[in-house]
Amino acid sequence: MIRSASIFFLAALSFLTGCNDRNDLSPYNELLSQPPYNALTDSIHQNPSDAELYYHRGVLLAKNNNNPPALADLRKAWSLEKKEKYAIEISDLLSNEKPDSAILFLTEALNLLPQTVSLQLKLAQVYFDQQKKDEALNLCNKIIQQRPNQVNALILKSDILEEKNDTAGSIQTLEQAYFFAPFYEELCYNLAFKYAENKNPVVLSLCDSLQHADSLNEKAEPYYFRGLYFSNTNQKEKALSFFDQAIQHNYYYMNAYIEKGKILFDQKKINNALKVFELAEKISPTFPDSYYWVGRCWEVFGQKAEAKLNYERAYGLDKTFTEAKDAAERLK
């Protein structure tokens, strides 16, 4: 009897242990046991308190678009150790699908790591993406007050001010960023575009600097921004010349084709404009602006069916292109 009772007890213990083992399994266990994750999974089994292992597996999962298990791993890493890079990865995943959760997480993370600029910037960006412009602007100002040379905060602040229709403030803020980072190419392009759009001749000297920095003489942007400035100041022939030079430097610089075609369109040279826009279509078949302007040309010719088709193509390629959608609906 004693022997039978012992056997029953061991069997019951084995059953319960098996149940616990099954409960401990991740719902993503099959995925995690396969390459390229299996090596990290084995390491995690051996060192379950090593946050870096969960972090690296989470990053790899995210890279391969396995977001739910990636988020689970990154949250596990964060629970084991409060590192800035863990929080950034978590917020990146959350901000794409659950922005409210990203805001909540980042707010809590900043309570633990209050001086972390990257987390503050991330929270400001999520606020901005959610159209919470005042919250985003306040956070940018807080960062800049602490670190006046924080270029990324200045760039984001400039974008926010532009969205709030404060173009002068946006340019002034971008100029501050340029003072600290005059060789940051994307920043220079943004500033040049704003100057050109607002008819500020300073764009010409900035383009000279950009061209001087282009030792290989292959960048189209300095010529494009000059063309944009001359177009906006009604110096159309100069503008056309610079747009042509931009295209010579980069055959695939689509904005130069569009701006060149728009000048010809406004000059009532519709056949010439159509050739430019159709060439742009052939060079980049997924560029929606080309189809829109081809549609405009066909509409001038009275070819409404052809115009409507091109407007629909433009909107099909870019669902935010409401001007193309409205044009197509107008021709019903």
Protein backbone atom coordinates (compact mmCIF):
# COMPACT_ATOMS: atom_id res chain seq x y z
CA MET A 1 0.00 0.00 0.00
CA ILE A 2 2.78 2.35 0.88
CA ARG A 3 4.53 1.60 -2.45
CA SER A 4 1.29 2.23 -4.40
CA ALA A 5 0.73 5.54 -2.64
CA SER A 6 4.28 6.65 -3.46
CA ILE A 7 3.83 5.80 -7.11
CA PHE A 8 0.55 7.75 -7.22
CA PHE A 9 2.19 10.76 -5.55
CA LEU A 10 5.09 10.79 -8.02
CA ALA A 11 2.74 10.45 -10.97
CA ALA A 12 0.62 13.35 -9.71
CA LEU A 13 3.73 15.49 -9.14
CA SER A 14 4.95 14.68 -12.64
CA PHE A 15 1.57 15.67 -14.11
CA LEU A 16 1.52 18.99 -12.23
CA THR A 17 5.09 19.76 -13.20
CA GLY A 18 4.27 19.05 -16.81
CA CYS A 19 1.33 21.40 -16.63
CA ASN A 20 3.51 24.12 -15.14
CA ASP A 21 6.11 23.60 -17.86
CA ARG A 22 3.45 23.97 -20.50
CA ASN A 23 2.11 27.11 -18.82
CA ASP A 24 5.62 28.60 -18.82
CA LEU A 25 5.96 28.17 -22.57
CA SER A 26 5.75 31.33 -24.63
CA PRO A 27 2.81 31.46 -27.06
CA TYR A 28 5.52 32.14 -29.65
CA ASN A 29 7.58 29.11 -28.64
CA GLU A 30 7.47 27.46 -32.05
CA LEU A 31 8.71 30.62 -33.76
CA LEU A 32 11.39 31.27 -31.15
CA SER A 33 12.76 27.75 -31.44
CA GLN A 34 13.52 28.24 -35.13
CA PRO A 35 16.39 30.11 -36.84
CA PRO A 36 17.40 32.88 -36.58
CA TYR A 37 16.04 33.05 -33.02
CA ASN A 38 16.89 29.59 -31.67
CA ALA A 39 20.44 30.42 -30.57
CA LEU A 40 19.23 33.38 -28.52
CA THR A 41 16.34 31.31 -27.18
CA ASP A 42 18.77 28.65 -25.96
CA SER A 43 20.86 31.35 -24.29
CA ILE A 44 17.76 32.76 -22.61
CA HIS A 45 16.90 29.32 -21.23
CA GLN A 46 20.37 29.18 -19.72
CA ASN A 47 20.38 32.81 -18.49
CA PRO A 48 16.75 33.85 -17.98
CA SER A 49 17.68 37.00 -16.04
CA ASP A 50 19.92 38.44 -18.78
CA ALA A 51 18.03 41.45 -20.13
CA GLU A 52 20.39 41.90 -23.09
CA LEU A 53 19.42 38.51 -24.50
CA TYR A 54 15.74 39.43 -24.54
CA TYR A 55 16.62 42.80 -26.04
CA HIS A 56 18.66 41.34 -28.90
CA ARG A 57 16.01 38.74 -29.68
CA GLY A 58 13.31 41.42 -29.55
CA VAL A 59 15.23 43.65 -31.97
CA LEU A 60 15.73 40.72 -34.34
CA LEU A 61 12.03 39.83 -34.17
CA ALA A 62 11.06 43.44 -34.90
CA LYS A 63 13.45 43.56 -37.83
CA ASN A 64 11.60 40.60 -39.30
CA ASN A 65 8.18 42.19 -38.62
CA ASN A 66 7.29 39.78 -35.81
CA ASN A 67 6.05 42.63 -33.67
CA PRO A 68 3.97 40.94 -30.91
CA PRO A 69 6.75 38.58 -29.78
CA ALA A 70 9.27 41.40 -30.24
CA LEU A 71 7.27 43.62 -27.91
CA ALA A 72 7.00 40.79 -25.36
CA ASP A 73 10.78 40.32 -25.37
CA LEU A 74 11.51 44.03 -25.14
CA ARG A 75 9.07 44.47 -22.27
CA LYS A 76 10.76 41.55 -20.51
CA ALA A 77 14.15 43.22 -20.98
CA TRP A 78 12.73 46.48 -19.59
CA SER A 79 11.26 44.67 -16.59
CA LEU A 80 14.69 43.23 -15.80
CA GLU A 81 16.67 46.43 -16.34
CA LYS A 82 15.62 50.03 -17.00
CA LYS A 83 17.79 50.94 -19.99
CA GLU A 84 17.13 53.79 -22.40
CA LYS A 85 17.61 51.66 -25.51
CA TYR A 86 14.99 49.17 -24.30
CA ALA A 87 12.47 51.95 -23.82
CA ILE A 88 13.18 53.42 -27.27
CA GLU A 89 12.59 50.09 -28.99
CA ILE A 90 9.35 49.53 -27.08
CA SER A 91 8.08 53.01 -27.93
CA ASP A 92 8.98 52.54 -31.60
CA LEU A 93 6.82 49.40 -31.78
CA LEU A 94 3.94 50.93 -29.83
CA SER A 95 3.90 54.24 -31.69
CA ASN A 96 3.10 52.55 -35.00
CA GLU A 97 0.04 50.63 -33.83
CA LYS A 98 -0.90 51.87 -30.35
CA PRO A 99 0.17 55.52 -30.03
CA ASP A 100 -1.85 56.06 -26.85
CA SER A 101 -0.01 53.13 -25.27
CA ALA A 102 3.29 54.62 -26.51
CA ILE A 103 2.48 57.92 -24.79
CA LEU A 104 1.59 56.13 -21.56
CA PHE A 105 4.72 53.99 -21.65
CA LEU A 106 7.05 56.89 -22.45
CA THR A 107 5.53 59.01 -19.69
CA GLU A 108 6.14 56.22 -17.20
CA ALA A 109 9.65 55.60 -18.54
CA LEU A 110 10.53 59.28 -18.17
CA ASN A 111 9.48 59.15 -14.53
CA LEU A 112 12.25 56.58 -14.11
CA LEU A 113 14.76 58.17 -16.53
CA PRO A 114 13.81 61.87 -16.44
CA GLN A 115 17.00 63.24 -18.03
CA THR A 116 16.92 61.03 -21.10
CA VAL A 117 16.69 63.35 -24.11
CA SER A 118 15.98 60.57 -26.61
CA LEU A 119 12.88 59.50 -24.67
CA GLN A 120 11.67 63.09 -24.41
CA LEU A 121 12.16 63.53 -28.14
CA LYS A 122 10.33 60.30 -28.88
CA LEU A 123 7.40 61.38 -26.74
CA ALA A 124 7.32 64.77 -28.47
CA GLN A 125 7.28 63.04 -31.86
CA VAL A 126 4.42 60.75 -30.84
CA TYR A 127 2.47 63.77 -29.56
CA PHE A 128 3.09 65.54 -32.87
CA ASP A 129 2.06 62.50 -34.91
CA GLN A 130 -1.18 62.42 -32.92
CA GLN A 131 -1.80 66.11 -33.66
CA LYS A 132 -1.17 67.04 -30.01
CA LYS A 133 0.90 69.98 -31.17
CA ASP A 134 0.93 72.01 -27.96
CA GLU A 135 2.13 69.05 -25.89
CA ALA A 136 4.83 68.32 -28.48
CA LEU A 137 5.92 71.96 -28.63
CA ASN A 138 6.10 72.28 -24.84
CA LEU A 139 8.29 69.21 -24.63
CA CYS A 140 10.59 70.48 -27.40
CA ASN A 141 10.93 73.82 -25.60
CA LYS A 142 11.80 72.00 -22.39
CA ILE A 143 14.56 70.06 -24.14
CA ILE A 144 15.93 73.17 -25.88
CA GLN A 145 15.91 75.12 -22.61
CA GLN A 146 18.10 72.42 -21.08
CA ARG A 147 20.19 71.85 -24.21
CA PRO A 148 20.07 74.77 -26.67
CA ASN A 149 22.19 72.86 -29.19
CA GLN A 150 19.88 69.84 -29.37
CA VAL A 151 19.49 69.86 -33.15
CA ASN A 152 16.81 67.17 -33.39
CA ALA A 153 14.61 69.02 -30.90
CA LEU A 154 15.05 72.23 -32.92
CA ILE A 155 14.14 70.46 -36.17
CA LEU A 156 11.03 68.92 -34.62
CA LYS A 157 10.05 72.28 -33.13
CA SER A 158 10.41 73.84 -36.58
CA ASP A 159 8.07 71.22 -38.06
CA ILE A 160 5.52 71.81 -35.29
CA LEU A 161 5.58 75.58 -35.80
CA GLU A 162 5.07 75.10 -39.54
CA GLU A 163 2.01 72.95 -38.79
CA LYS A 164 0.76 75.71 -36.51
CA ASN A 165 1.12 78.17 -39.46
CA ASP A 166 4.01 80.02 -37.79
CA THR A 167 6.30 79.98 -40.82
CA ALA A 168 8.55 82.77 -39.52
CA GLY A 169 9.04 80.92 -36.24
CA SER A 170 9.66 77.68 -38.09
CA ILE A 171 12.40 79.25 -40.22
CA GLN A 172 13.98 81.00 -37.24
CA THR A 173 14.12 77.72 -35.32
CA LEU A 174 15.61 75.90 -38.29
CA GLU A 175 18.23 78.64 -38.56
CA GLN A 176 19.18 77.94 -34.94
CA ALA A 177 19.62 74.27 -35.81
CA TYR A 178 21.72 75.20 -38.85
CA PHE A 179 24.00 77.30 -36.63
CA PHE A 180 24.85 74.19 -34.62
CA ALA A 181 24.94 71.73 -37.52
CA PRO A 182 25.79 73.52 -40.81
CA PHE A 183 26.89 70.25 -42.45
CA TYR A 184 23.71 68.31 -41.67
CA GLU A 185 22.52 67.82 -45.25
CA GLU A 186 18.85 67.11 -44.59
CA LEU A 187 18.62 70.15 -42.34
CA CYS A 188 20.21 72.31 -45.04
CA TYR A 189 17.74 71.04 -47.61
CA ASN A 190 14.78 71.78 -45.32
CA LEU A 191 16.02 75.29 -44.67
CA ALA A 192 16.74 75.92 -48.36
CA PHE A 193 13.24 74.75 -49.28
CA LYS A 194 11.66 77.08 -46.71
CA TYR A 195 13.75 80.00 -47.93
CA ALA A 196 12.81 79.30 -51.56
CA GLU A 197 9.11 78.87 -50.79
CA ASN A 198 9.09 82.16 -48.88
CA LYS A 199 11.04 84.07 -51.55
CA ASN A 200 14.01 84.64 -49.26
CA PRO A 201 17.16 85.35 -51.33
CA VAL A 202 19.33 83.86 -48.58
CA VAL A 203 18.58 80.56 -50.31
CA LEU A 204 21.04 81.52 -53.06
CA SER A 205 24.02 81.80 -50.71
CA LEU A 206 22.94 78.62 -48.92
CA CYS A 207 22.83 76.83 -52.28
CA ASP A 208 26.32 78.15 -53.02
CA SER A 209 27.48 76.51 -49.78
CA LEU A 210 25.73 73.26 -50.66
CA GLN A 211 27.30 73.25 -54.11
CA HIS A 212 30.73 73.99 -52.66
CA ALA A 213 30.35 71.05 -50.28
CA ASP A 214 29.46 68.77 -53.20
CA SER A 215 33.01 67.88 -54.22
CA LEU A 216 31.78 65.39 -56.83
CA ASN A 217 29.35 67.92 -58.33
CA GLU A 218 26.53 65.37 -58.47
CA LYS A 219 23.81 66.84 -56.24
CA ALA A 220 20.66 68.17 -57.87
CA GLU A 221 19.34 69.97 -54.79
CA PRO A 222 21.31 73.26 -55.02
CA TYR A 223 20.01 73.78 -58.55
CA TYR A 224 16.47 72.73 -57.65
CA PHE A 225 16.20 75.16 -54.73
CA ARG A 226 17.54 78.00 -56.86
CA GLY A 227 14.95 77.13 -59.49
CA LEU A 228 12.21 77.09 -56.87
CA TYR A 229 13.25 80.53 -55.62
CA PHE A 230 13.30 82.04 -59.11
CA SER A 231 9.96 80.42 -59.94
CA ASN A 232 8.37 81.89 -56.82
CA THR A 233 9.82 85.33 -57.57
CA ASN A 234 8.40 85.17 -61.13
CA GLN A 235 11.77 84.79 -62.86
CA LYS A 236 10.56 81.86 -64.92
CA GLU A 237 13.34 81.56 -67.49
CA LYS A 238 15.98 81.43 -64.76
CA ALA A 239 13.87 78.90 -62.94
CA LEU A 240 13.59 76.67 -66.04
CA SER A 241 17.36 76.83 -66.50
CA PHE A 242 18.02 75.69 -62.94
CA PHE A 243 15.41 72.92 -63.08
CA ASP A 244 17.12 71.64 -66.24
CA GLN A 245 20.47 71.71 -64.42
CA ALA A 246 18.96 69.80 -61.51
CA ILE A 247 17.77 67.12 -63.95
CA GLN A 248 21.19 67.01 -65.60
CA HIS A 249 22.75 66.30 -62.22
CA ASN A 250 20.13 63.72 -61.26
CA TYR A 251 17.97 62.25 -64.02
CA TYR A 252 15.61 60.82 -61.38
CA TYR A 253 15.01 64.05 -59.45
CA MET A 254 11.25 64.04 -59.94
CA ASN A 255 10.41 67.34 -58.25
CA ALA A 256 12.47 69.21 -60.86
CA TYR A 257 10.38 67.68 -63.66
CA ILE A 258 7.15 68.67 -61.93
CA GLU A 259 8.22 72.26 -61.27
CA LYS A 260 9.51 72.63 -64.84
CA GLY A 261 6.26 71.25 -66.23
CA LYS A 262 4.19 73.54 -64.01
CA ILE A 263 5.94 76.62 -65.39
CA LEU A 264 5.27 75.48 -68.96
CA PHE A 265 1.67 74.72 -68.02
CA ASP A 266 1.20 78.22 -66.55
CA GLN A 267 2.74 79.69 -69.72
CA LYS A 268 0.01 77.87 -71.70
CA LYS A 269 2.61 75.67 -73.38
CA ILE A 270 0.48 72.64 -72.69
CA ASN A 271 2.02 70.31 -75.27
CA ASN A 272 5.50 70.98 -73.88
CA ALA A 273 4.26 70.57 -70.31
CA LEU A 274 2.59 67.26 -71.19
CA LYS A 275 5.85 65.92 -72.63
CA VAL A 276 7.68 66.78 -69.39
CA PHE A 277 5.03 65.15 -67.20
CA GLU A 278 4.80 62.03 -69.40
CA LEU A 279 8.57 61.67 -69.29
CA ALA A 280 8.38 61.88 -65.50
CA GLU A 281 5.75 59.11 -65.58
CA LYS A 282 8.06 56.84 -67.55
CA ILE A 283 11.04 57.52 -65.31
CA SER A 284 9.13 56.92 -62.08
CA PRO A 285 5.80 55.10 -62.67
CA THR A 286 4.90 55.29 -58.96
CA PHE A 287 5.26 59.08 -58.60
CA PRO A 288 1.69 60.38 -58.20
CA ASP A 289 2.28 64.03 -59.09
CA SER A 290 3.17 63.13 -62.67
CA TYR A 291 -0.21 61.49 -63.25
CA TYR A 292 -2.03 64.42 -61.68
CA TRP A 293 -0.38 66.93 -63.99
CA VAL A 294 -0.83 64.72 -67.04
CA GLY A 295 -4.51 64.76 -66.07
CA ARG A 296 -4.47 68.55 -65.88
CA CYS A 297 -3.04 68.73 -69.40
CA TRP A 298 -5.61 66.31 -70.83
CA GLU A 299 -8.38 68.27 -69.15
CA VAL A 300 -7.21 71.44 -70.91
CA PHE A 301 -7.40 69.50 -74.19
CA GLY A 302 -10.97 68.52 -73.34
CA GLN A 303 -10.09 64.82 -72.96
CA LYS A 304 -12.06 64.32 -69.75
CA ALA A 305 -11.96 60.52 -69.69
CA GLU A 306 -8.17 60.49 -70.04
CA ALA A 307 -7.85 63.26 -67.45
CA LYS A 308 -10.08 61.42 -64.98
CA LEU A 309 -8.09 58.21 -65.41
CA ASN A 310 -4.84 59.99 -64.56
CA TYR A 311 -6.35 61.73 -61.55
CA GLU A 312 -7.51 58.35 -60.29
CA ARG A 313 -4.06 56.88 -60.81
CA ALA A 314 -2.52 59.72 -58.80
CA TYR A 315 -4.95 59.20 -55.93
CA GLY A 316 -4.49 55.43 -56.11
CA LEU A 317 -0.76 55.90 -55.54
CA ASP A 318 -1.23 58.38 -52.71
CA LYS A 319 -4.44 58.30 -50.67
CA THR A 320 -3.56 61.67 -49.09
CA PHE A 321 -3.60 63.30 -52.54
CA THR A 322 -7.09 64.73 -52.07
CA GLU A 323 -6.59 67.29 -54.81
CA ALA A 324 -6.38 64.44 -57.33
CA LYS A 325 -9.43 62.74 -55.81
CA ASP A 326 -11.44 65.97 -56.01
CA ALA A 327 -10.36 66.50 -59.63
CA ALA A 328 -11.50 63.00 -60.60
CA GLU A 329 -14.86 63.44 -58.86
CA ARG A 330 -15.36 66.77 -60.59
CA LEU A 331 -15.25 64.99 -63.96
CA LYS A 332 -17.96 62.42 -63.15
